[in-house]
Amino acid sequence: MDVTPPIPADRQLIQAYGEGHFRISNVVYEGSVLVLPERTLAWPVAAFAEATLASLDPLFAAGSKVELLLLGCGSRPAPLKSELRGSLRARGVMLELMDTGAACRTYNVLLAEERRVAAALIAVR
């Protein structure tokens, strides 16, 4: 029995990650990415310490209504600068940190639930 939830074809489904890239809706992206339900963008962040509010601005540039941001920190979660969490909260966005693999899986589940989710994913090797 197939238990895969139906996801509309125009949504960005994360299919694979690793070896420095992601496969999202049958497109391969090299390096880190920002994923919204309707689009995926290259993200010039190679390490968790480089993740800043300014680096996340493309998530909000087109008027996207993000309620939850999953930050895939690479191979393991790292401590977060409290000002980043506070700045996102001021925009009405909750932030969850986890390793990149967990963030990919969680994003897909929330996407299937039609939540207003986005993911900032640091590529892992």
PDB file of N, CA and C in Angstrom:
ATOM      1  N   MET A   1       0.842  -1.174   0.000  1.00  0.00           N
ATOM      2  CA  MET A   1       0.000   0.000   0.000  1.00  0.00           C
ATOM      3  C   MET A   1       0.886   1.236   0.000  1.00  0.00           C
ATOM      4  N   ASP A   2       0.619   2.156  -0.905  1.00  0.00           N
ATOM      5  CA  ASP A   2       1.363   3.407  -1.007  1.00  0.00           C
ATOM      6  C   ASP A   2       0.822   4.386   0.021  1.00  0.00           C
ATOM      7  N   VAL A   3       1.702   4.903   0.874  1.00  0.00           N
ATOM      8  CA  VAL A   3       1.285   5.864   1.898  1.00  0.00           C
ATOM      9  C   VAL A   3       1.833   7.263   1.618  1.00  0.00           C
ATOM     10  N   THR A   4       2.370   7.460   0.412  1.00  0.00           N
ATOM     11  CA  THR A   4       2.891   8.770   0.042  1.00  0.00           C
ATOM     12  C   THR A   4       1.732   9.744  -0.103  1.00  0.00           C
ATOM     13  N   PRO A   5       1.792  10.872   0.608  1.00  0.00           N
ATOM     14  CA  PRO A   5       0.682  11.824   0.496  1.00  0.00           C
ATOM     15  C   PRO A   5       0.683  12.489  -0.871  1.00  0.00           C
ATOM     16  N   PRO A   6      -0.497  12.800  -1.396  1.00  0.00           N
ATOM     17  CA  PRO A   6      -0.551  13.485  -2.687  1.00  0.00           C
ATOM     18  C   PRO A   6      -0.042  14.916  -2.537  1.00  0.00           C
ATOM     19  N   ILE A   7       0.861  15.296  -3.426  1.00  0.00           N
ATOM     20  CA  ILE A   7       1.407  16.656  -3.416  1.00  0.00           C
ATOM     21  C   ILE A   7       1.216  17.214  -4.816  1.00  0.00           C
ATOM     22  N   PRO A   8       0.614  18.402  -4.938  1.00  0.00           N
ATOM     23  CA  PRO A   8       0.405  18.973  -6.271  1.00  0.00           C
ATOM     24  C   PRO A   8       1.708  19.062  -7.062  1.00  0.00           C
ATOM     25  N   ALA A   9       1.613  18.879  -8.364  1.00  0.00           N
ATOM     26  CA  ALA A   9       2.793  18.841  -9.235  1.00  0.00           C
ATOM     27  C   ALA A   9       3.568  20.147  -9.241  1.00  0.00           C
ATOM     28  N   ASP A  10       2.922  21.270  -8.918  1.00  0.00           N
ATOM     29  CA  ASP A  10       3.618  22.557  -8.945  1.00  0.00           C
ATOM     30  C   ASP A  10       4.352  22.865  -7.638  1.00  0.00           C
ATOM     31  N   ARG A  11       4.380  21.919  -6.706  1.00  0.00           N
ATOM     32  CA  ARG A  11       5.056  22.116  -5.414  1.00  0.00           C
ATOM     33  C   ARG A  11       6.470  21.563  -5.457  1.00  0.00           C
ATOM     34  N   GLN A  12       7.343  22.166  -4.673  1.00  0.00           N
ATOM     35  CA  GLN A  12       8.755  21.801  -4.616  1.00  0.00           C
ATOM     36  C   GLN A  12       8.952  20.676  -3.596  1.00  0.00           C
ATOM     37  N   LEU A  13       9.036  19.465  -4.053  1.00  0.00           N
ATOM     38  CA  LEU A  13       9.217  18.282  -3.214  1.00  0.00           C
ATOM     39  C   LEU A  13      10.697  17.915  -3.175  1.00  0.00           C
ATOM     40  N   ILE A  14      11.247  17.790  -1.989  1.00  0.00           N
ATOM     41  CA  ILE A  14      12.656  17.417  -1.843  1.00  0.00           C
ATOM     42  C   ILE A  14      12.749  15.900  -1.988  1.00  0.00           C
ATOM     43  N   GLN A  15      13.468  15.464  -3.016  1.00  0.00           N
ATOM     44  CA  GLN A  15      13.549  14.039  -3.322  1.00  0.00           C
ATOM     45  C   GLN A  15      14.834  13.391  -2.832  1.00  0.00           C
ATOM     46  N   ALA A  16      15.927  14.157  -2.791  1.00  0.00           N
ATOM     47  CA  ALA A  16      17.207  13.579  -2.383  1.00  0.00           C
ATOM     48  C   ALA A  16      18.149  14.693  -1.952  1.00  0.00           C
ATOM     49  N   TYR A  17      19.131  14.314  -1.115  1.00  0.00           N
ATOM     50  CA  TYR A  17      20.165  15.255  -0.700  1.00  0.00           C
ATOM     51  C   TYR A  17      21.447  14.469  -0.441  1.00  0.00           C
ATOM     52  N   GLY A  18      22.566  15.180  -0.440  1.00  0.00           N
ATOM     53  CA  GLY A  18      23.860  14.562  -0.147  1.00  0.00           C
ATOM     54  C   GLY A  18      24.855  14.826  -1.259  1.00  0.00           C
ATOM     55  N   GLU A  19      26.110  14.545  -0.989  1.00  0.00           N
ATOM     56  CA  GLU A  19      27.183  14.759  -1.956  1.00  0.00           C
ATOM     57  C   GLU A  19      27.216  16.201  -2.461  1.00  0.00           C
ATOM     58  N   GLY A  20      26.793  17.143  -1.603  1.00  0.00           N
ATOM     59  CA  GLY A  20      26.861  18.558  -1.949  1.00  0.00           C
ATOM     60  C   GLY A  20      25.741  19.074  -2.829  1.00  0.00           C
ATOM     61  N   HIS A  21      24.679  18.283  -3.014  1.00  0.00           N
ATOM     62  CA  HIS A  21      23.572  18.757  -3.851  1.00  0.00           C
ATOM     63  C   HIS A  21      22.229  18.254  -3.327  1.00  0.00           C
ATOM     64  N   PHE A  22      21.183  18.762  -3.957  1.00  0.00           N
ATOM     65  CA  PHE A  22      19.800  18.370  -3.656  1.00  0.00           C
ATOM     66  C   PHE A  22      19.100  18.065  -4.971  1.00  0.00           C
ATOM     67  N   ARG A  23      18.138  17.139  -4.937  1.00  0.00           N
ATOM     68  CA  ARG A  23      17.232  16.943  -6.068  1.00  0.00           C
ATOM     69  C   ARG A  23      15.851  17.334  -5.565  1.00  0.00           C
ATOM     70  N   ILE A  24      15.305  18.368  -6.181  1.00  0.00           N
ATOM     71  CA  ILE A  24      14.018  18.927  -5.756  1.00  0.00           C
ATOM     72  C   ILE A  24      13.123  19.009  -6.983  1.00  0.00           C
ATOM     73  N   SER A  25      12.023  18.290  -6.939  1.00  0.00           N
ATOM     74  CA  SER A  25      11.080  18.244  -8.067  1.00  0.00           C
ATOM     75  C   SER A  25      11.796  17.965  -9.383  1.00  0.00           C
ATOM     76  N   ASN A  26      12.660  16.953  -9.347  1.00  0.00           N
ATOM     77  CA  ASN A  26      13.394  16.454 -10.514  1.00  0.00           C
ATOM     78  C   ASN A  26      14.432  17.421 -11.082  1.00  0.00           C
ATOM     79  N   VAL A  27      14.831  18.424 -10.304  1.00  0.00           N
ATOM     80  CA  VAL A  27      15.895  19.348 -10.699  1.00  0.00           C
ATOM     81  C   VAL A  27      17.016  19.214  -9.677  1.00  0.00           C
ATOM     82  N   VAL A  28      18.265  19.117 -10.147  1.00  0.00           N
ATOM     83  CA  VAL A  28      19.420  19.012  -9.254  1.00  0.00           C
ATOM     84  C   VAL A  28      19.985  20.401  -8.989  1.00  0.00           C
ATOM     85  N   TYR A  29      20.180  20.715  -7.717  1.00  0.00           N
ATOM     86  CA  TYR A  29      20.753  21.986  -7.277  1.00  0.00           C
ATOM     87  C   TYR A  29      22.065  21.691  -6.569  1.00  0.00           C
ATOM     88  N   GLU A  30      23.140  22.303  -7.018  1.00  0.00           N
ATOM     89  CA  GLU A  30      24.442  22.162  -6.372  1.00  0.00           C
ATOM     90  C   GLU A  30      24.531  23.162  -5.231  1.00  0.00           C
ATOM     91  N   GLY A  31      25.027  22.735  -4.087  1.00  0.00           N
ATOM     92  CA  GLY A  31      25.194  23.632  -2.950  1.00  0.00           C
ATOM     93  C   GLY A  31      23.910  23.818  -2.168  1.00  0.00           C
ATOM     94  N   SER A  32      23.953  24.771  -1.264  1.00  0.00           N
ATOM     95  CA  SER A  32      22.833  25.035  -0.358  1.00  0.00           C
ATOM     96  C   SER A  32      21.672  25.695  -1.098  1.00  0.00           C
ATOM     97  N   VAL A  33      20.453  25.521  -0.552  1.00  0.00           N
ATOM     98  CA  VAL A  33      19.248  26.035  -1.203  1.00  0.00           C
ATOM     99  C   VAL A  33      18.256  26.594  -0.196  1.00  0.00           C
ATOM    100  N   LEU A  34      17.406  27.471  -0.705  1.00  0.00           N
ATOM    101  CA  LEU A  34      16.220  27.943   0.006  1.00  0.00           C
ATOM    102  C   LEU A  34      15.029  27.346  -0.731  1.00  0.00           C
ATOM    103  N   VAL A  35      14.152  26.662  -0.004  1.00  0.00           N
ATOM    104  CA  VAL A  35      13.028  25.978  -0.642  1.00  0.00           C
ATOM    105  C   VAL A  35      11.715  26.526  -0.086  1.00  0.00           C
ATOM    106  N   LEU A  36      10.886  26.976  -0.988  1.00  0.00           N
ATOM    107  CA  LEU A  36       9.520  27.390  -0.693  1.00  0.00           C
ATOM    108  C   LEU A  36       8.596  26.448  -1.456  1.00  0.00           C
ATOM    109  N   PRO A  37       7.340  26.355  -1.082  1.00  0.00           N
ATOM    110  CA  PRO A  37       6.449  25.446  -1.810  1.00  0.00           C
ATOM    111  C   PRO A  37       6.406  25.695  -3.317  1.00  0.00           C
ATOM    112  N   GLU A  38       6.568  26.950  -3.740  1.00  0.00           N
ATOM    113  CA  GLU A  38       6.438  27.261  -5.162  1.00  0.00           C
ATOM    114  C   GLU A  38       7.751  27.456  -5.907  1.00  0.00           C
ATOM    115  N   ARG A  39       8.888  27.507  -5.208  1.00  0.00           N
ATOM    116  CA  ARG A  39      10.166  27.703  -5.904  1.00  0.00           C
ATOM    117  C   ARG A  39      11.343  27.315  -5.018  1.00  0.00           C
ATOM    118  N   THR A  40      12.466  27.065  -5.676  1.00  0.00           N
ATOM    119  CA  THR A  40      13.730  26.762  -4.999  1.00  0.00           C
ATOM    120  C   THR A  40      14.776  27.739  -5.512  1.00  0.00           C
ATOM    121  N   LEU A  41      15.576  28.264  -4.585  1.00  0.00           N
ATOM    122  CA  LEU A  41      16.598  29.247  -4.914  1.00  0.00           C
ATOM    123  C   LEU A  41      17.955  28.787  -4.408  1.00  0.00           C
ATOM    124  N   ALA A  42      19.003  29.114  -5.162  1.00  0.00           N
ATOM    125  CA  ALA A  42      20.358  28.868  -4.666  1.00  0.00           C
ATOM    126  C   ALA A  42      20.571  29.750  -3.434  1.00  0.00           C
ATOM    127  N   TRP A  43      21.323  29.228  -2.464  1.00  0.00           N
ATOM    128  CA  TRP A  43      21.589  29.960  -1.223  1.00  0.00           C
ATOM    129  C   TRP A  43      23.101  29.960  -0.999  1.00  0.00           C
ATOM    130  N   PRO A  44      23.750  31.101  -1.097  1.00  0.00           N
ATOM    131  CA  PRO A  44      25.217  31.143  -1.012  1.00  0.00           C
ATOM    132  C   PRO A  44      25.746  31.025   0.418  1.00  0.00           C
ATOM    133  N   VAL A  45      25.302  30.001   1.116  1.00  0.00           N
ATOM    134  CA  VAL A  45      25.730  29.731   2.492  1.00  0.00           C
ATOM    135  C   VAL A  45      26.307  28.323   2.517  1.00  0.00           C
ATOM    136  N   ALA A  46      27.549  28.208   2.920  1.00  0.00           N
ATOM    137  CA  ALA A  46      28.192  26.889   2.945  1.00  0.00           C
ATOM    138  C   ALA A  46      28.319  26.330   4.351  1.00  0.00           C
ATOM    139  N   ALA A  47      28.169  27.188   5.366  1.00  0.00           N
ATOM    140  CA  ALA A  47      28.312  26.749   6.757  1.00  0.00           C
ATOM    141  C   ALA A  47      27.271  27.463   7.612  1.00  0.00           C
ATOM    142  N   PHE A  48      26.875  26.821   8.683  1.00  0.00           N
ATOM    143  CA  PHE A  48      25.834  27.349   9.549  1.00  0.00           C
ATOM    144  C   PHE A  48      26.151  28.752  10.043  1.00  0.00           C
ATOM    145  N   ALA A  49      27.393  29.038  10.353  1.00  0.00           N
ATOM    146  CA  ALA A  49      27.787  30.356  10.867  1.00  0.00           C
ATOM    147  C   ALA A  49      27.499  31.477   9.865  1.00  0.00           C
ATOM    148  N   GLU A  50      27.341  31.141   8.585  1.00  0.00           N
ATOM    149  CA  GLU A  50      27.067  32.132   7.546  1.00  0.00           C
ATOM    150  C   GLU A  50      25.580  32.466   7.413  1.00  0.00           C
ATOM    151  N   ALA A  51      24.727  31.734   8.091  1.00  0.00           N
ATOM    152  CA  ALA A  51      23.280  31.959   7.992  1.00  0.00           C
ATOM    153  C   ALA A  51      22.918  33.216   8.786  1.00  0.00           C
ATOM    154  N   THR A  52      22.426  34.216   8.079  1.00  0.00           N
ATOM    155  CA  THR A  52      22.030  35.474   8.701  1.00  0.00           C
ATOM    156  C   THR A  52      20.633  35.849   8.235  1.00  0.00           C
ATOM    157  N   LEU A  53      20.058  36.837   8.871  1.00  0.00           N
ATOM    158  CA  LEU A  53      18.757  37.316   8.443  1.00  0.00           C
ATOM    159  C   LEU A  53      18.831  37.830   7.007  1.00  0.00           C
ATOM    160  N   ALA A  54      19.900  38.538   6.675  1.00  0.00           N
ATOM    161  CA  ALA A  54      20.055  39.050   5.311  1.00  0.00           C
ATOM    162  C   ALA A  54      20.139  37.912   4.291  1.00  0.00           C
ATOM    163  N   SER A  55      20.803  36.822   4.651  1.00  0.00           N
ATOM    164  CA  SER A  55      20.906  35.701   3.709  1.00  0.00           C
ATOM    165  C   SER A  55      19.559  35.019   3.485  1.00  0.00           C
ATOM    166  N   LEU A  56      18.641  35.197   4.420  1.00  0.00           N
ATOM    167  CA  LEU A  56      17.313  34.586   4.312  1.00  0.00           C
ATOM    168  C   LEU A  56      16.286  35.503   3.647  1.00  0.00           C
ATOM    169  N   ASP A  57      16.659  36.748   3.360  1.00  0.00           N
ATOM    170  CA  ASP A  57      15.726  37.705   2.765  1.00  0.00           C
ATOM    171  C   ASP A  57      15.023  37.199   1.504  1.00  0.00           C
ATOM    172  N   PRO A  58      15.680  36.428   0.619  1.00  0.00           N
ATOM    173  CA  PRO A  58      14.958  35.952  -0.576  1.00  0.00           C
ATOM    174  C   PRO A  58      13.705  35.132  -0.250  1.00  0.00           C
ATOM    175  N   LEU A  59      13.636  34.563   0.938  1.00  0.00           N
ATOM    176  CA  LEU A  59      12.436  33.811   1.315  1.00  0.00           C
ATOM    177  C   LEU A  59      11.217  34.722   1.431  1.00  0.00           C
ATOM    178  N   PHE A  60      11.452  35.984   1.718  1.00  0.00           N
ATOM    179  CA  PHE A  60      10.349  36.907   1.972  1.00  0.00           C
ATOM    180  C   PHE A  60      10.192  37.949   0.872  1.00  0.00           C
ATOM    181  N   ALA A  61      11.103  37.964  -0.101  1.00  0.00           N
ATOM    182  CA  ALA A  61      11.143  39.007  -1.124  1.00  0.00           C
ATOM    183  C   ALA A  61       9.901  39.040  -2.009  1.00  0.00           C
ATOM    184  N   ALA A  62       9.368  37.916  -2.370  1.00  0.00           N
ATOM    185  CA  ALA A  62       8.234  37.873  -3.295  1.00  0.00           C
ATOM    186  C   ALA A  62       6.902  37.842  -2.559  1.00  0.00           C
ATOM    187  N   GLY A  63       6.899  38.275  -1.310  1.00  0.00           N
ATOM    188  CA  GLY A  63       5.662  38.293  -0.545  1.00  0.00           C
ATOM    189  C   GLY A  63       5.228  36.931  -0.043  1.00  0.00           C
ATOM    190  N   SER A  64       6.151  36.010   0.045  1.00  0.00           N
ATOM    191  CA  SER A  64       5.817  34.673   0.540  1.00  0.00           C
ATOM    192  C   SER A  64       5.349  34.747   1.986  1.00  0.00           C
ATOM    193  N   LYS A  65       4.362  33.979   2.296  1.00  0.00           N
ATOM    194  CA  LYS A  65       3.796  33.937   3.643  1.00  0.00           C
ATOM    195  C   LYS A  65       4.348  32.718   4.377  1.00  0.00           C
ATOM    196  N   VAL A  66       5.540  32.852   4.912  1.00  0.00           N
ATOM    197  CA  VAL A  66       6.193  31.757   5.631  1.00  0.00           C
ATOM    198  C   VAL A  66       5.830  31.851   7.110  1.00  0.00           C
ATOM    199  N   GLU A  67       5.332  30.755   7.665  1.00  0.00           N
ATOM    200  CA  GLU A  67       5.034  30.698   9.099  1.00  0.00           C
ATOM    201  C   GLU A  67       6.082  29.905   9.859  1.00  0.00           C
ATOM    202  N   LEU A  68       6.709  28.944   9.184  1.00  0.00           N
ATOM    203  CA  LEU A  68       7.688  28.075   9.818  1.00  0.00           C
ATOM    204  C   LEU A  68       8.872  27.904   8.882  1.00  0.00           C
ATOM    205  N   LEU A  69      10.066  28.182   9.407  1.00  0.00           N
ATOM    206  CA  LEU A  69      11.289  28.006   8.648  1.00  0.00           C
ATOM    207  C   LEU A  69      12.101  26.887   9.278  1.00  0.00           C
ATOM    208  N   LEU A  70      12.412  25.887   8.475  1.00  0.00           N
ATOM    209  CA  LEU A  70      13.268  24.788   8.899  1.00  0.00           C
ATOM    210  C   LEU A  70      14.677  25.109   8.443  1.00  0.00           C
ATOM    211  N   LEU A  71      15.604  25.159   9.371  1.00  0.00           N
ATOM    212  CA  LEU A  71      16.992  25.455   9.029  1.00  0.00           C
ATOM    213  C   LEU A  71      17.797  24.180   9.149  1.00  0.00           C
ATOM    214  N   GLY A  72      18.163  23.630   8.000  1.00  0.00           N
ATOM    215  CA  GLY A  72      18.991  22.423   7.948  1.00  0.00           C
ATOM    216  C   GLY A  72      20.446  22.828   8.097  1.00  0.00           C
ATOM    217  N   CYS A  73      21.031  22.515   9.244  1.00  0.00           N
ATOM    218  CA  CYS A  73      22.347  23.022   9.649  1.00  0.00           C
ATOM    219  C   CYS A  73      23.523  22.222   9.112  1.00  0.00           C
ATOM    220  N   GLY A  74      23.303  21.282   8.235  1.00  0.00           N
ATOM    221  CA  GLY A  74      24.381  20.423   7.771  1.00  0.00           C
ATOM    222  C   GLY A  74      24.238  19.052   8.403  1.00  0.00           C
ATOM    223  N   SER A  75      25.355  18.468   8.780  1.00  0.00           N
ATOM    224  CA  SER A  75      25.301  17.105   9.314  1.00  0.00           C
ATOM    225  C   SER A  75      24.803  17.026  10.754  1.00  0.00           C
ATOM    226  N   ARG A  76      24.823  18.147  11.476  1.00  0.00           N
ATOM    227  CA  ARG A  76      24.269  18.154  12.842  1.00  0.00           C
ATOM    228  C   ARG A  76      23.863  19.563  13.231  1.00  0.00           C
ATOM    229  N   PRO A  77      22.858  19.683  14.097  1.00  0.00           N
ATOM    230  CA  PRO A  77      22.421  21.012  14.538  1.00  0.00           C
ATOM    231  C   PRO A  77      23.535  21.726  15.298  1.00  0.00           C
ATOM    232  N   ALA A  78      23.481  23.050  15.269  1.00  0.00           N
ATOM    233  CA  ALA A  78      24.470  23.872  15.955  1.00  0.00           C
ATOM    234  C   ALA A  78      23.747  24.943  16.763  1.00  0.00           C
ATOM    235  N   PRO A  79      24.438  25.563  17.712  1.00  0.00           N
ATOM    236  CA  PRO A  79      23.804  26.643  18.483  1.00  0.00           C
ATOM    237  C   PRO A  79      23.435  27.815  17.565  1.00  0.00           C
ATOM    238  N   LEU A  80      22.340  28.452  17.872  1.00  0.00           N
ATOM    239  CA  LEU A  80      21.823  29.545  17.053  1.00  0.00           C
ATOM    240  C   LEU A  80      22.052  30.878  17.737  1.00  0.00           C
ATOM    241  N   LYS A  81      22.388  31.881  16.938  1.00  0.00           N
ATOM    242  CA  LYS A  81      22.472  33.243  17.453  1.00  0.00           C
ATOM    243  C   LYS A  81      21.048  33.693  17.794  1.00  0.00           C
ATOM    244  N   SER A  82      20.832  34.114  19.019  1.00  0.00           N
ATOM    245  CA  SER A  82      19.473  34.456  19.460  1.00  0.00           C
ATOM    246  C   SER A  82      18.872  35.606  18.663  1.00  0.00           C
ATOM    247  N   GLU A  83      19.692  36.510  18.116  1.00  0.00           N
ATOM    248  CA  GLU A  83      19.126  37.628  17.361  1.00  0.00           C
ATOM    249  C   GLU A  83      18.462  37.147  16.071  1.00  0.00           C
ATOM    250  N   LEU A  84      18.934  36.055  15.487  1.00  0.00           N
ATOM    251  CA  LEU A  84      18.300  35.521  14.286  1.00  0.00           C
ATOM    252  C   LEU A  84      16.904  35.002  14.612  1.00  0.00           C
ATOM    253  N   ARG A  85      16.794  34.227  15.669  1.00  0.00           N
ATOM    254  CA  ARG A  85      15.483  33.709  16.069  1.00  0.00           C
ATOM    255  C   ARG A  85      14.529  34.866  16.390  1.00  0.00           C
ATOM    256  N   GLY A  86      15.016  35.868  17.121  1.00  0.00           N
ATOM    257  CA  GLY A  86      14.184  37.021  17.482  1.00  0.00           C
ATOM    258  C   GLY A  86      13.747  37.821  16.273  1.00  0.00           C
ATOM    259  N   SER A  87      14.639  38.021  15.321  1.00  0.00           N
ATOM    260  CA  SER A  87      14.304  38.768  14.106  1.00  0.00           C
ATOM    261  C   SER A  87      13.250  38.042  13.285  1.00  0.00           C
ATOM    262  N   LEU A  88      13.373  36.721  13.189  1.00  0.00           N
ATOM    263  CA  LEU A  88      12.366  35.947  12.460  1.00  0.00           C
ATOM    264  C   LEU A  88      11.033  35.958  13.197  1.00  0.00           C
ATOM    265  N   ARG A  89      11.085  35.834  14.506  1.00  0.00           N
ATOM    266  CA  ARG A  89       9.848  35.860  15.301  1.00  0.00           C
ATOM    267  C   ARG A  89       9.132  37.192  15.108  1.00  0.00           C
ATOM    268  N   ALA A  90       9.886  38.298  15.019  1.00  0.00           N
ATOM    269  CA  ALA A  90       9.281  39.616  14.793  1.00  0.00           C
ATOM    270  C   ALA A  90       8.557  39.671  13.450  1.00  0.00           C
ATOM    271  N   ARG A  91       8.967  38.836  12.496  1.00  0.00           N
ATOM    272  CA  ARG A  91       8.287  38.730  11.197  1.00  0.00           C
ATOM    273  C   ARG A  91       7.153  37.719  11.222  1.00  0.00           C
ATOM    274  N   GLY A  92       6.921  37.106  12.366  1.00  0.00           N
ATOM    275  CA  GLY A  92       5.867  36.104  12.484  1.00  0.00           C
ATOM    276  C   GLY A  92       6.280  34.725  12.032  1.00  0.00           C
ATOM    277  N   VAL A  93       7.590  34.467  12.002  1.00  0.00           N
ATOM    278  CA  VAL A  93       8.116  33.188  11.516  1.00  0.00           C
ATOM    279  C   VAL A  93       8.745  32.421  12.674  1.00  0.00           C
ATOM    280  N   MET A  94       8.301  31.196  12.876  1.00  0.00           N
ATOM    281  CA  MET A  94       8.920  30.309  13.864  1.00  0.00           C
ATOM    282  C   MET A  94      10.082  29.598  13.180  1.00  0.00           C
ATOM    283  N   LEU A  95      11.148  29.368  13.933  1.00  0.00           N
ATOM    284  CA  LEU A  95      12.356  28.749  13.394  1.00  0.00           C
ATOM    285  C   LEU A  95      12.626  27.437  14.104  1.00  0.00           C
ATOM    286  N   GLU A  96      12.912  26.395  13.321  1.00  0.00           N
ATOM    287  CA  GLU A  96      13.301  25.099  13.868  1.00  0.00           C
ATOM    288  C   GLU A  96      14.638  24.715  13.264  1.00  0.00           C
ATOM    289  N   LEU A  97      15.588  24.376  14.119  1.00  0.00           N
ATOM    290  CA  LEU A  97      16.901  23.926  13.673  1.00  0.00           C
ATOM    291  C   LEU A  97      16.989  22.417  13.761  1.00  0.00           C
ATOM    292  N   MET A  98      17.591  21.814  12.755  1.00  0.00           N
ATOM    293  CA  MET A  98      17.808  20.374  12.746  1.00  0.00           C
ATOM    294  C   MET A  98      18.868  20.064  11.704  1.00  0.00           C
ATOM    295  N   ASP A  99      19.343  18.829  11.680  1.00  0.00           N
ATOM    296  CA  ASP A  99      20.290  18.480  10.632  1.00  0.00           C
ATOM    297  C   ASP A  99      19.573  18.534   9.280  1.00  0.00           C
ATOM    298  N   THR A 100      20.332  18.654   8.222  1.00  0.00           N
ATOM    299  CA  THR A 100      19.745  18.846   6.895  1.00  0.00           C
ATOM    300  C   THR A 100      18.824  17.703   6.481  1.00  0.00           C
ATOM    301  N   GLY A 101      19.197  16.471   6.773  1.00  0.00           N
ATOM    302  CA  GLY A 101      18.340  15.338   6.419  1.00  0.00           C
ATOM    303  C   GLY A 101      16.982  15.417   7.092  1.00  0.00           C
ATOM    304  N   ALA A 102      16.978  15.712   8.381  1.00  0.00           N
ATOM    305  CA  ALA A 102      15.717  15.839   9.120  1.00  0.00           C
ATOM    306  C   ALA A 102      14.896  17.007   8.584  1.00  0.00           C
ATOM    307  N   ALA A 103      15.563  18.098   8.231  1.00  0.00           N
ATOM    308  CA  ALA A 103      14.850  19.251   7.687  1.00  0.00           C
ATOM    309  C   ALA A 103      14.192  18.914   6.349  1.00  0.00           C
ATOM    310  N   CYS A 104      14.876  18.143   5.505  1.00  0.00           N
ATOM    311  CA  CYS A 104      14.294  17.721   4.223  1.00  0.00           C
ATOM    312  C   CYS A 104      13.035  16.889   4.448  1.00  0.00           C
ATOM    313  N   ARG A 105      13.127  15.917   5.325  1.00  0.00           N
ATOM    314  CA  ARG A 105      11.976  15.035   5.583  1.00  0.00           C
ATOM    315  C   ARG A 105      10.813  15.807   6.208  1.00  0.00           C
ATOM    316  N   THR A 106      11.124  16.670   7.164  1.00  0.00           N
ATOM    317  CA  THR A 106      10.084  17.444   7.842  1.00  0.00           C
ATOM    318  C   THR A 106       9.410  18.407   6.868  1.00  0.00           C
ATOM    319  N   TYR A 107      10.195  19.044   6.012  1.00  0.00           N
ATOM    320  CA  TYR A 107       9.631  19.948   5.010  1.00  0.00           C
ATOM    321  C   TYR A 107       8.600  19.212   4.155  1.00  0.00           C
ATOM    322  N   ASN A 108       8.946  18.025   3.670  1.00  0.00           N
ATOM    323  CA  ASN A 108       8.024  17.282   2.803  1.00  0.00           C
ATOM    324  C   ASN A 108       6.719  16.946   3.521  1.00  0.00           C
ATOM    325  N   VAL A 109       6.798  16.570   4.780  1.00  0.00           N
ATOM    326  CA  VAL A 109       5.584  16.257   5.549  1.00  0.00           C
ATOM    327  C   VAL A 109       4.719  17.506   5.689  1.00  0.00           C
ATOM    328  N   LEU A 110       5.343  18.629   6.058  1.00  0.00           N
ATOM    329  CA  LEU A 110       4.589  19.866   6.242  1.00  0.00           C
ATOM    330  C   LEU A 110       4.035  20.387   4.917  1.00  0.00           C
ATOM    331  N   LEU A 111       4.775  20.186   3.836  1.00  0.00           N
ATOM    332  CA  LEU A 111       4.289  20.554   2.516  1.00  0.00           C
ATOM    333  C   LEU A 111       3.019  19.769   2.179  1.00  0.00           C
ATOM    334  N   ALA A 112       3.029  18.477   2.470  1.00  0.00           N
ATOM    335  CA  ALA A 112       1.856  17.637   2.212  1.00  0.00           C
ATOM    336  C   ALA A 112       0.655  18.088   3.040  1.00  0.00           C
ATOM    337  N   GLU A 113       0.922  18.666   4.207  1.00  0.00           N
ATOM    338  CA  GLU A 113      -0.145  19.183   5.069  1.00  0.00           C
ATOM    339  C   GLU A 113      -0.567  20.594   4.674  1.00  0.00           C
ATOM    340  N   GLU A 114       0.031  21.107   3.593  1.00  0.00           N
ATOM    341  CA  GLU A 114      -0.261  22.442   3.073  1.00  0.00           C
ATOM    342  C   GLU A 114       0.031  23.548   4.082  1.00  0.00           C
ATOM    343  N   ARG A 115       1.072  23.343   4.866  1.00  0.00           N
ATOM    344  CA  ARG A 115       1.514  24.369   5.821  1.00  0.00           C
ATOM    345  C   ARG A 115       2.322  25.433   5.091  1.00  0.00           C
ATOM    346  N   ARG A 116       2.431  26.589   5.658  1.00  0.00           N
ATOM    347  CA  ARG A 116       3.233  27.675   5.106  1.00  0.00           C
ATOM    348  C   ARG A 116       4.668  27.516   5.612  1.00  0.00           C
ATOM    349  N   VAL A 117       5.375  26.598   4.974  1.00  0.00           N
ATOM    350  CA  VAL A 117       6.711  26.198   5.418  1.00  0.00           C
ATOM    351  C   VAL A 117       7.746  26.581   4.355  1.00  0.00           C
ATOM    352  N   ALA A 118       8.950  26.829   4.831  1.00  0.00           N
ATOM    353  CA  ALA A 118      10.106  27.029   3.957  1.00  0.00           C
ATOM    354  C   ALA A 118      11.284  26.314   4.606  1.00  0.00           C
ATOM    355  N   ALA A 119      12.283  26.030   3.802  1.00  0.00           N
ATOM    356  CA  ALA A 119      13.482  25.376   4.328  1.00  0.00           C
ATOM    357  C   ALA A 119      14.723  26.093   3.794  1.00  0.00           C
ATOM    358  N   ALA A 120      15.660  26.330   4.694  1.00  0.00           N
ATOM    359  CA  ALA A 120      16.987  26.836   4.343  1.00  0.00           C
ATOM    360  C   ALA A 120      17.930  25.672   4.616  1.00  0.00           C
ATOM    361  N   LEU A 121      18.475  25.090   3.562  1.00  0.00           N
ATOM    362  CA  LEU A 121      19.191  23.821   3.680  1.00  0.00           C
ATOM    363  C   LEU A 121      20.657  23.968   3.292  1.00  0.00           C
ATOM    364  N   ILE A 122      21.530  23.684   4.247  1.00  0.00           N
ATOM    365  CA  ILE A 122      22.958  23.688   3.990  1.00  0.00           C
ATOM    366  C   ILE A 122      23.329  22.323   3.429  1.00  0.00           C
ATOM    367  N   ALA A 123      24.000  22.331   2.289  1.00  0.00           N
ATOM    368  CA  ALA A 123      24.376  21.093   1.614  1.00  0.00           C
ATOM    369  C   ALA A 123      25.349  20.300   2.483  1.00  0.00           C
ATOM    370  N   VAL A 124      25.182  18.986   2.449  1.00  0.00           N
ATOM    371  CA  VAL A 124      26.084  18.085   3.176  1.00  0.00           C
ATOM    372  C   VAL A 124      26.842  17.223   2.175  1.00  0.00           C
ATOM    373  N   ARG A 125      28.043  16.837   2.548  1.00  0.00           N
ATOM    374  CA  ARG A 125      28.872  15.998   1.686  1.00  0.00           C
ATOM    375  C   ARG A 125      28.854  14.582   2.177  1.00  0.00           C
TER     376      ARG A 125
END
